Amino acid sequence: MSEVLAMTEERRNNNRKRTLKAGRIVFGGLSQVFNCTIRNTNETGALLTLPSTLGVPGSFLLYIDNESTRRPVEVVWRSEDKMGVRFTGPAESTIRRAS
């Protein structure tokens, strides 16, 4: 029983805020894209859900569609259809500016 409690115990320093945002996992020089849903976030990371985590590398760019931003992330944990990720860099705008 204590093992089950240890697995469900909250280990984050910051509480996550529930959300429901469309996102894209992008890697391979922008050639590989997986759609995902961002289920919760805080300043340091996010919970992503997708049909399968198979084939998703340990680090990638997370595009947050409705915010027009992208962030580099690394996977902290994964299950068959969910991943916890840590932000490894600042958010960058994906909106192109006219020259």
C-alpha atoms as a PDB file:
ATOM      1  CA  MET A   1       0.000   0.000   0.000  1.00  0.00           C
ATOM      2  CA  SER A   2       2.844   2.447   0.779  1.00  0.00           C
ATOM      3  CA  GLU A   3       4.204   1.938  -2.763  1.00  0.00           C
ATOM      4  CA  VAL A   4       0.883   3.072  -4.239  1.00  0.00           C
ATOM      5  CA  LEU A   5       0.901   6.181  -2.041  1.00  0.00           C
ATOM      6  CA  ALA A   6       4.447   7.002  -3.088  1.00  0.00           C
ATOM      7  CA  MET A   7       3.482   6.803  -6.760  1.00  0.00           C
ATOM      8  CA  THR A   8       0.490   9.162  -6.352  1.00  0.00           C
ATOM      9  CA  GLU A   9       2.225  11.608  -4.045  1.00  0.00           C
ATOM     10  CA  GLU A  10       2.636  15.095  -5.520  1.00  0.00           C
ATOM     11  CA  ARG A  11       6.324  15.847  -6.085  1.00  0.00           C
ATOM     12  CA  ARG A  12       6.128  19.168  -7.956  1.00  0.00           C
ATOM     13  CA  ASN A  13       7.162  22.380  -6.216  1.00  0.00           C
ATOM     14  CA  ASN A  14       4.495  24.421  -8.047  1.00  0.00           C
ATOM     15  CA  ASN A  15       0.854  23.426  -8.443  1.00  0.00           C
ATOM     16  CA  ARG A  16      -0.370  22.939 -11.981  1.00  0.00           C
ATOM     17  CA  LYS A  17      -3.251  24.919 -13.464  1.00  0.00           C
ATOM     18  CA  ARG A  18      -5.839  22.817 -15.325  1.00  0.00           C
ATOM     19  CA  THR A  19      -6.172  23.701 -18.993  1.00  0.00           C
ATOM     20  CA  LEU A  20      -7.356  22.282 -22.290  1.00  0.00           C
ATOM     21  CA  LYS A  21      -5.182  23.590 -25.118  1.00  0.00           C
ATOM     22  CA  ALA A  22      -4.239  22.213 -28.511  1.00  0.00           C
ATOM     23  CA  GLY A  23      -0.532  21.599 -28.974  1.00  0.00           C
ATOM     24  CA  ARG A  24       1.943  20.018 -31.327  1.00  0.00           C
ATOM     25  CA  ILE A  25       5.068  18.008 -30.540  1.00  0.00           C
ATOM     26  CA  VAL A  26       7.660  18.905 -33.191  1.00  0.00           C
ATOM     27  CA  PHE A  27      11.113  17.346 -33.749  1.00  0.00           C
ATOM     28  CA  GLY A  28      13.408  16.034 -36.460  1.00  0.00           C
ATOM     29  CA  GLY A  29      14.233  19.423 -37.919  1.00  0.00           C
ATOM     30  CA  LEU A  30      10.521  20.313 -37.921  1.00  0.00           C
ATOM     31  CA  SER A  31       9.759  17.260 -40.096  1.00  0.00           C
ATOM     32  CA  GLN A  32       7.972  15.154 -37.437  1.00  0.00           C
ATOM     33  CA  VAL A  33       4.742  16.409 -35.817  1.00  0.00           C
ATOM     34  CA  PHE A  34       2.385  14.797 -33.292  1.00  0.00           C
ATOM     35  CA  ASN A  35      -0.826  16.537 -32.203  1.00  0.00           C
ATOM     36  CA  CYS A  36      -1.411  16.617 -28.451  1.00  0.00           C
ATOM     37  CA  THR A  37      -3.626  18.173 -25.801  1.00  0.00           C
ATOM     38  CA  ILE A  38      -2.087  20.233 -23.000  1.00  0.00           C
ATOM     39  CA  ARG A  39      -4.037  19.246 -19.880  1.00  0.00           C
ATOM     40  CA  ASN A  40      -2.285  21.300 -17.208  1.00  0.00           C
ATOM     41  CA  THR A  41       0.661  23.688 -16.879  1.00  0.00           C
ATOM     42  CA  ASN A  42       2.737  25.740 -14.500  1.00  0.00           C
ATOM     43  CA  GLU A  43       5.909  27.818 -14.865  1.00  0.00           C
ATOM     44  CA  THR A  44       8.118  24.738 -15.087  1.00  0.00           C
ATOM     45  CA  GLY A  45       6.208  22.156 -17.134  1.00  0.00           C
ATOM     46  CA  ALA A  46       3.038  20.587 -18.492  1.00  0.00           C
ATOM     47  CA  LEU A  47       0.997  17.400 -18.823  1.00  0.00           C
ATOM     48  CA  LEU A  48       0.391  16.305 -22.416  1.00  0.00           C
ATOM     49  CA  THR A  49      -2.065  13.694 -23.667  1.00  0.00           C
ATOM     50  CA  LEU A  50      -1.883  12.079 -27.100  1.00  0.00           C
ATOM     51  CA  PRO A  51      -3.031   8.835 -28.727  1.00  0.00           C
ATOM     52  CA  SER A  52       0.384   7.203 -28.179  1.00  0.00           C
ATOM     53  CA  THR A  53       3.744   8.357 -26.831  1.00  0.00           C
ATOM     54  CA  LEU A  54       5.521   5.736 -28.931  1.00  0.00           C
ATOM     55  CA  GLY A  55       8.023   7.416 -31.235  1.00  0.00           C
ATOM     56  CA  VAL A  56       8.173  10.684 -29.299  1.00  0.00           C
ATOM     57  CA  PRO A  57      11.797  11.522 -28.379  1.00  0.00           C
ATOM     58  CA  GLY A  58      13.049  12.615 -24.951  1.00  0.00           C
ATOM     59  CA  SER A  59      13.226  16.288 -25.979  1.00  0.00           C
ATOM     60  CA  PHE A  60      11.343  18.327 -28.571  1.00  0.00           C
ATOM     61  CA  LEU A  61       9.624  21.654 -29.289  1.00  0.00           C
ATOM     62  CA  LEU A  62       6.109  22.054 -27.881  1.00  0.00           C
ATOM     63  CA  TYR A  63       3.973  24.380 -29.996  1.00  0.00           C
ATOM     64  CA  ILE A  64       1.026  25.872 -28.095  1.00  0.00           C
ATOM     65  CA  ASP A  65      -1.408  26.758 -30.852  1.00  0.00           C
ATOM     66  CA  ASN A  66      -3.765  29.277 -29.228  1.00  0.00           C
ATOM     67  CA  GLU A  67      -0.840  31.215 -27.694  1.00  0.00           C
ATOM     68  CA  SER A  68       1.218  31.201 -30.931  1.00  0.00           C
ATOM     69  CA  THR A  69       4.292  30.122 -28.961  1.00  0.00           C
ATOM     70  CA  ARG A  70       6.752  27.249 -28.854  1.00  0.00           C
ATOM     71  CA  ARG A  71       8.975  26.005 -26.039  1.00  0.00           C
ATOM     72  CA  PRO A  72      11.765  23.468 -25.842  1.00  0.00           C
ATOM     73  CA  VAL A  73      10.888  20.663 -23.428  1.00  0.00           C
ATOM     74  CA  GLU A  74      12.240  17.393 -22.079  1.00  0.00           C
ATOM     75  CA  VAL A  75      10.177  14.393 -21.039  1.00  0.00           C
ATOM     76  CA  VAL A  76      10.207  13.716 -17.285  1.00  0.00           C
ATOM     77  CA  TRP A  77       7.872  10.708 -17.376  1.00  0.00           C
ATOM     78  CA  ARG A  78       5.594   8.973 -19.872  1.00  0.00           C
ATOM     79  CA  SER A  79       2.850   6.385 -20.032  1.00  0.00           C
ATOM     80  CA  GLU A  80       1.078   4.910 -23.046  1.00  0.00           C
ATOM     81  CA  ASP A  81      -0.916   8.099 -23.771  1.00  0.00           C
ATOM     82  CA  LYS A  82       0.409  10.804 -21.395  1.00  0.00           C
ATOM     83  CA  MET A  83       3.697  12.638 -20.804  1.00  0.00           C
ATOM     84  CA  GLY A  84       4.913  14.988 -18.137  1.00  0.00           C
ATOM     85  CA  VAL A  85       7.362  17.512 -19.607  1.00  0.00           C
ATOM     86  CA  ARG A  86       9.721  20.127 -18.168  1.00  0.00           C
ATOM     87  CA  PHE A  87      10.269  23.417 -19.981  1.00  0.00           C
ATOM     88  CA  THR A  88      13.978  23.781 -20.805  1.00  0.00           C
ATOM     89  CA  GLY A  89      13.850  27.232 -22.376  1.00  0.00           C
ATOM     90  CA  PRO A  90      11.713  30.330 -22.738  1.00  0.00           C
ATOM     91  CA  ALA A  91       8.578  30.606 -24.848  1.00  0.00           C
ATOM     92  CA  GLU A  92       9.192  32.021 -28.329  1.00  0.00           C
ATOM     93  CA  SER A  93       6.559  33.601 -30.579  1.00  0.00           C
ATOM     94  CA  THR A  94       5.655  31.669 -33.708  1.00  0.00           C
ATOM     95  CA  ILE A  95       4.134  34.736 -35.394  1.00  0.00           C
ATOM     96  CA  ARG A  96       6.277  35.923 -38.285  1.00  0.00           C
ATOM     97  CA  ARG A  97       6.895  39.648 -38.451  1.00  0.00           C
ATOM     98  CA  ALA A  98       6.826  41.473 -41.766  1.00  0.00           C
ATOM     99  CA  SER A  99      10.270  42.619 -42.920  1.00  0.00           C
END
